[in-house]
C-alpha atoms as a PDB file:
ATOM      1  CA  MET A   1       0.729  18.896   8.652  1.00  0.00           C
ATOM      2  CA  ASP A   2       2.516  17.221  11.705  1.00  0.00           C
ATOM      3  CA  ILE A   3       4.252  14.302  10.392  1.00  0.00           C
ATOM      4  CA  SER A   4       5.373  12.975  13.457  1.00  0.00           C
ATOM      5  CA  LYS A   5       1.622  11.837  14.274  1.00  0.00           C
ATOM      6  CA  ILE A   6       1.301  10.340  11.156  1.00  0.00           C
ATOM      7  CA  ALA A   7       4.190   7.722  11.805  1.00  0.00           C
ATOM      8  CA  PRO A   8       4.501   6.958  15.473  1.00  0.00           C
ATOM      9  CA  ALA A   9       7.672   5.709  16.499  1.00  0.00           C
ATOM     10  CA  ALA A  10       7.440   2.144  17.935  1.00  0.00           C
ATOM     11  CA  GLY A  11       5.335  -0.425  19.814  1.00  0.00           C
ATOM     12  CA  LYS A  12       2.327  -2.165  18.287  1.00  0.00           C
ATOM     13  CA  THR A  13       0.263   0.153  16.438  1.00  0.00           C
ATOM     14  CA  THR A  14      -3.766   0.545  16.253  1.00  0.00           C
ATOM     15  CA  GLU A  15      -5.457   0.581  13.212  1.00  0.00           C
ATOM     16  CA  ALA A  16      -6.235   4.266  13.472  1.00  0.00           C
ATOM     17  CA  GLU A  17      -2.313   4.666  13.683  1.00  0.00           C
ATOM     18  CA  LEU A  18      -1.788   2.939  10.475  1.00  0.00           C
ATOM     19  CA  GLU A  19      -4.905   4.597   8.748  1.00  0.00           C
ATOM     20  CA  ILE A  20      -4.595   7.936   6.611  1.00  0.00           C
ATOM     21  CA  SER A  21      -7.400   9.833   4.902  1.00  0.00           C
ATOM     22  CA  LEU A  22      -7.419   9.914   0.930  1.00  0.00           C
ATOM     23  CA  ALA A  23      -7.357  13.678   1.195  1.00  0.00           C
ATOM     24  CA  SER A  24      -4.394  13.607   3.500  1.00  0.00           C
ATOM     25  CA  ALA A  25      -2.363  10.810   1.478  1.00  0.00           C
ATOM     26  CA  LEU A  26      -2.780  12.785  -1.759  1.00  0.00           C
ATOM     27  CA  GLU A  27      -1.596  16.126  -0.120  1.00  0.00           C
ATOM     28  CA  LEU A  28       1.571  13.927   1.076  1.00  0.00           C
ATOM     29  CA  CYS A  29       2.277  12.703  -2.544  1.00  0.00           C
ATOM     30  CA  GLN A  30       1.687  16.379  -3.927  1.00  0.00           C
ATOM     31  CA  LEU A  31       4.281  17.644  -1.407  1.00  0.00           C
ATOM     32  CA  GLY A  32       6.455  15.076  -2.319  1.00  0.00           C
ATOM     33  CA  LEU A  33       6.549  13.646   0.914  1.00  0.00           C
ATOM     34  CA  GLY A  34       4.493  10.355   0.341  1.00  0.00           C
ATOM     35  CA  THR A  35       4.044   7.509  -2.551  1.00  0.00           C
ATOM     36  CA  LEU A  36       0.865   5.732  -3.201  1.00  0.00           C
ATOM     37  CA  VAL A  37       1.772   1.997  -3.491  1.00  0.00           C
ATOM     38  CA  ASP A  38      -1.016   0.027  -4.969  1.00  0.00           C
ATOM     39  CA  ILE A  39      -1.347  -3.338  -3.484  1.00  0.00           C
ATOM     40  CA  ARG A  40      -4.027  -4.800  -5.601  1.00  0.00           C
ATOM     41  CA  GLN A  41      -3.139  -7.795  -7.817  1.00  0.00           C
ATOM     42  CA  ALA A  42      -2.699  -7.066 -11.801  1.00  0.00           C
ATOM     43  CA  PHE A  43      -5.984  -8.009 -12.552  1.00  0.00           C
ATOM     44  CA  GLU A  44      -7.691  -5.811 -10.480  1.00  0.00           C
ATOM     45  CA  ILE A  45      -6.028  -3.047 -11.725  1.00  0.00           C
ATOM     46  CA  GLU A  46      -6.595  -4.077 -15.165  1.00  0.00           C
ATOM     47  CA  LEU A  47     -10.500  -4.092 -14.690  1.00  0.00           C
ATOM     48  CA  LYS A  48     -10.879  -1.115 -11.986  1.00  0.00           C
ATOM     49  CA  GLY A  49      -8.333   1.096 -13.532  1.00  0.00           C
ATOM     50  CA  ALA A  50      -5.066   2.402 -12.279  1.00  0.00           C
ATOM     51  CA  ILE A  51      -4.382   5.651 -10.128  1.00  0.00           C
ATOM     52  CA  PRO A  52      -1.641   7.766 -11.784  1.00  0.00           C
ATOM     53  CA  GLY A  53       1.490   7.960 -10.089  1.00  0.00           C
ATOM     54  CA  THR A  54       1.340   4.932  -8.086  1.00  0.00           C
ATOM     55  CA  GLU A  55       3.771   1.941  -7.745  1.00  0.00           C
ATOM     56  CA  HIS A  56       2.422  -1.522  -7.681  1.00  0.00           C
ATOM     57  CA  ILE A  57       3.478  -3.957  -5.285  1.00  0.00           C
ATOM     58  CA  PRO A  58       0.934  -7.219  -5.282  1.00  0.00           C
ATOM     59  CA  LEU A  59       0.203  -7.799  -1.733  1.00  0.00           C
ATOM     60  CA  PHE A  60      -0.771 -11.617  -2.351  1.00  0.00           C
ATOM     61  CA  GLU A  61       2.274 -12.053  -4.357  1.00  0.00           C
ATOM     62  CA  VAL A  62       4.672 -10.413  -1.850  1.00  0.00           C
ATOM     63  CA  LYS A  63       2.994 -12.511   1.108  1.00  0.00           C
ATOM     64  CA  ARG A  64       4.012 -15.645  -1.318  1.00  0.00           C
ATOM     65  CA  LEU A  65       7.702 -14.350  -1.209  1.00  0.00           C
ATOM     66  CA  LEU A  66       8.156 -13.946   2.223  1.00  0.00           C
ATOM     67  CA  GLY A  67       7.154 -17.542   2.981  1.00  0.00           C
ATOM     68  CA  HIS A  68       3.446 -16.171   4.424  1.00  0.00           C
ATOM     69  CA  THR A  69       0.716 -18.749   4.267  1.00  0.00           C
ATOM     70  CA  LEU A  70      -2.277 -17.353   2.173  1.00  0.00           C
ATOM     71  CA  THR A  71      -5.825 -17.383   3.069  1.00  0.00           C
ATOM     72  CA  GLU A  72      -7.729 -19.858   0.900  1.00  0.00           C
ATOM     73  CA  ASP A  73      -9.816 -16.767  -0.447  1.00  0.00           C
ATOM     74  CA  GLU A  74      -6.305 -14.987  -1.150  1.00  0.00           C
ATOM     75  CA  GLN A  75      -5.021 -18.137  -2.919  1.00  0.00           C
ATOM     76  CA  ASP A  76      -7.839 -17.713  -4.885  1.00  0.00           C
ATOM     77  CA  VAL A  77      -7.351 -14.348  -5.974  1.00  0.00           C
ATOM     78  CA  LEU A  78      -4.044 -14.909  -6.632  1.00  0.00           C
ATOM     79  CA  ASP A  79      -4.824 -17.878  -8.831  1.00  0.00           C
ATOM     80  CA  ALA A  80      -7.264 -15.525 -10.618  1.00  0.00           C
ATOM     81  CA  GLY A  81      -4.728 -13.275 -12.381  1.00  0.00           C
ATOM     82  CA  ARG A  82      -1.406 -13.896 -14.073  1.00  0.00           C
ATOM     83  CA  PRO A  83       1.964 -13.543 -11.891  1.00  0.00           C
ATOM     84  CA  THR A  84       3.421 -10.544 -11.601  1.00  0.00           C
ATOM     85  CA  GLU A  85       6.924 -10.523 -12.491  1.00  0.00           C
ATOM     86  CA  ILE A  86       8.342  -9.212  -8.706  1.00  0.00           C
ATOM     87  CA  ASP A  87      10.773 -11.329  -6.631  1.00  0.00           C
ATOM     88  CA  VAL A  88      12.165 -10.462  -2.991  1.00  0.00           C
ATOM     89  CA  GLN A  89      14.938  -8.266  -4.379  1.00  0.00           C
ATOM     90  CA  GLY A  90      12.890  -5.954  -6.547  1.00  0.00           C
ATOM     91  CA  PHE A  91      10.201  -6.222  -3.705  1.00  0.00           C
ATOM     92  CA  PHE A  92      12.784  -4.880  -1.118  1.00  0.00           C
ATOM     93  CA  SER A  93      14.745  -2.231  -3.928  1.00  0.00           C
ATOM     94  CA  THR A  94      11.512  -0.602  -4.498  1.00  0.00           C
ATOM     95  CA  LEU A  95      10.426  -0.352  -0.719  1.00  0.00           C
ATOM     96  CA  ASN A  96      14.344   0.848   0.188  1.00  0.00           C
ATOM     97  CA  ARG A  97      14.039   3.558  -2.385  1.00  0.00           C
ATOM     98  CA  LEU A  98      10.697   4.995  -1.765  1.00  0.00           C
ATOM     99  CA  HIS A  99      11.221   4.857   2.114  1.00  0.00           C
ATOM    100  CA  HIS A 100      14.886   5.396   2.627  1.00  0.00           C
ATOM    101  CA  GLY A 101      16.215   6.850  -0.540  1.00  0.00           C
ATOM    102  CA  ASP A 102      13.445   9.378  -1.299  1.00  0.00           C
ATOM    103  CA  ASP A 103      12.576   9.360   2.176  1.00  0.00           C
ATOM    104  CA  ASN A 104       8.788   8.720   1.672  1.00  0.00           C
ATOM    105  CA  ILE A 105       5.768   7.838   3.470  1.00  0.00           C
ATOM    106  CA  VAL A 106       4.589   4.625   1.816  1.00  0.00           C
ATOM    107  CA  LEU A 107       1.070   4.793   1.392  1.00  0.00           C
ATOM    108  CA  CYS A 108      -0.863   1.626   0.839  1.00  0.00           C
ATOM    109  CA  ILE A 109      -3.878   1.456  -1.013  1.00  0.00           C
ATOM    110  CA  CYS A 110      -6.064  -1.338  -2.270  1.00  0.00           C
ATOM    111  CA  ASN A 111      -9.913  -1.521  -3.434  1.00  0.00           C
ATOM    112  CA  SER A 112     -11.464  -0.893  -0.105  1.00  0.00           C
ATOM    113  CA  GLY A 113      -8.603  -0.161   2.549  1.00  0.00           C
ATOM    114  CA  ARG A 114      -8.996  -3.536   4.139  1.00  0.00           C
ATOM    115  CA  ARG A 115      -5.822  -5.014   2.898  1.00  0.00           C
ATOM    116  CA  SER A 116      -3.709  -2.242   2.811  1.00  0.00           C
ATOM    117  CA  LEU A 117      -4.180  -2.013   6.567  1.00  0.00           C
ATOM    118  CA  TYR A 118      -2.574  -5.230   6.621  1.00  0.00           C
ATOM    119  CA  ALA A 119       0.002  -4.004   4.040  1.00  0.00           C
ATOM    120  CA  ALA A 120       1.109  -1.354   6.133  1.00  0.00           C
ATOM    121  CA  GLN A 121       1.369  -3.439   9.680  1.00  0.00           C
ATOM    122  CA  LEU A 122       3.513  -6.103   7.451  1.00  0.00           C
ATOM    123  CA  LEU A 123       5.702  -3.333   6.159  1.00  0.00           C
ATOM    124  CA  ARG A 124       5.692  -1.968   9.537  1.00  0.00           C
ATOM    125  CA  SER A 125       7.079  -5.268  10.714  1.00  0.00           C
ATOM    126  CA  LEU A 126       9.614  -5.525   8.219  1.00  0.00           C
ATOM    127  CA  GLY A 127      11.385  -2.267   9.614  1.00  0.00           C
ATOM    128  CA  TYR A 128       9.456   0.371   7.375  1.00  0.00           C
ATOM    129  CA  ARG A 129       8.081   2.519   9.954  1.00  0.00           C
ATOM    130  CA  LYS A 130       6.640   5.312   7.708  1.00  0.00           C
ATOM    131  CA  ALA A 131       3.998   2.681   6.004  1.00  0.00           C
ATOM    132  CA  LEU A 132       0.249   3.730   6.516  1.00  0.00           C
ATOM    133  CA  SER A 133      -3.010   2.679   5.010  1.00  0.00           C
ATOM    134  CA  VAL A 134      -5.152   4.759   2.629  1.00  0.00           C
ATOM    135  CA  ALA A 135      -8.850   4.627   4.409  1.00  0.00           C
ATOM    136  CA  GLY A 136     -11.527   3.855   1.671  1.00  0.00           C
ATOM    137  CA  GLY A 137      -8.888   2.693  -1.096  1.00  0.00           C
ATOM    138  CA  PHE A 138      -9.287   2.720  -4.425  1.00  0.00           C
ATOM    139  CA  GLN A 139     -13.392   3.140  -4.191  1.00  0.00           C
ATOM    140  CA  ALA A 140     -12.805   6.318  -2.194  1.00  0.00           C
ATOM    141  CA  TRP A 141     -10.291   7.967  -5.092  1.00  0.00           C
ATOM    142  CA  LYS A 142     -12.756   6.797  -7.555  1.00  0.00           C
ATOM    143  CA  LYS A 143     -15.788   8.801  -5.707  1.00  0.00           C
ATOM    144  CA  LEU A 144     -13.485  11.623  -5.389  1.00  0.00           C
ATOM    145  CA  GLN A 145     -12.610  11.504  -9.427  1.00  0.00           C
ATOM    146  CA  ALA A 146     -16.345  11.825  -9.847  1.00  0.00           C
ATOM    147  CA  ALA A 147     -17.316  14.582  -7.788  1.00  0.00           C
ATOM    148  CA  ARG A 148     -14.429  16.499  -9.591  1.00  0.00           C
END
């Protein structure tokens, strides 16, 4: 697997450059080169289930912590659950440990792959150049589990 093609060096990234297949993401995790980061809200994980071995960093709470404006829909989703105990220091500590300390590719995963594209772009804008979105998200992982 050519990792240089997975994490482009610089400049504006396209959706295709930000996205990785579930199979490739799982292979990177098995090789110790990547970590899945579930960006769904806590209530979504409680309702639909968790992926074993993932880190949990809820995207909408992170957006709020960083001072980004939430859309009305995002605020509704955030209001639907109870707050996760995450602060700015915890957010950056976790990412720095994964990205710099463990030298892992940060593989963002949400329910369907849409929010994780935003998360990967956000992380790259914060300097985490090895952030990717897992195509198909939790739904693709669930289908894979059912097929096994």
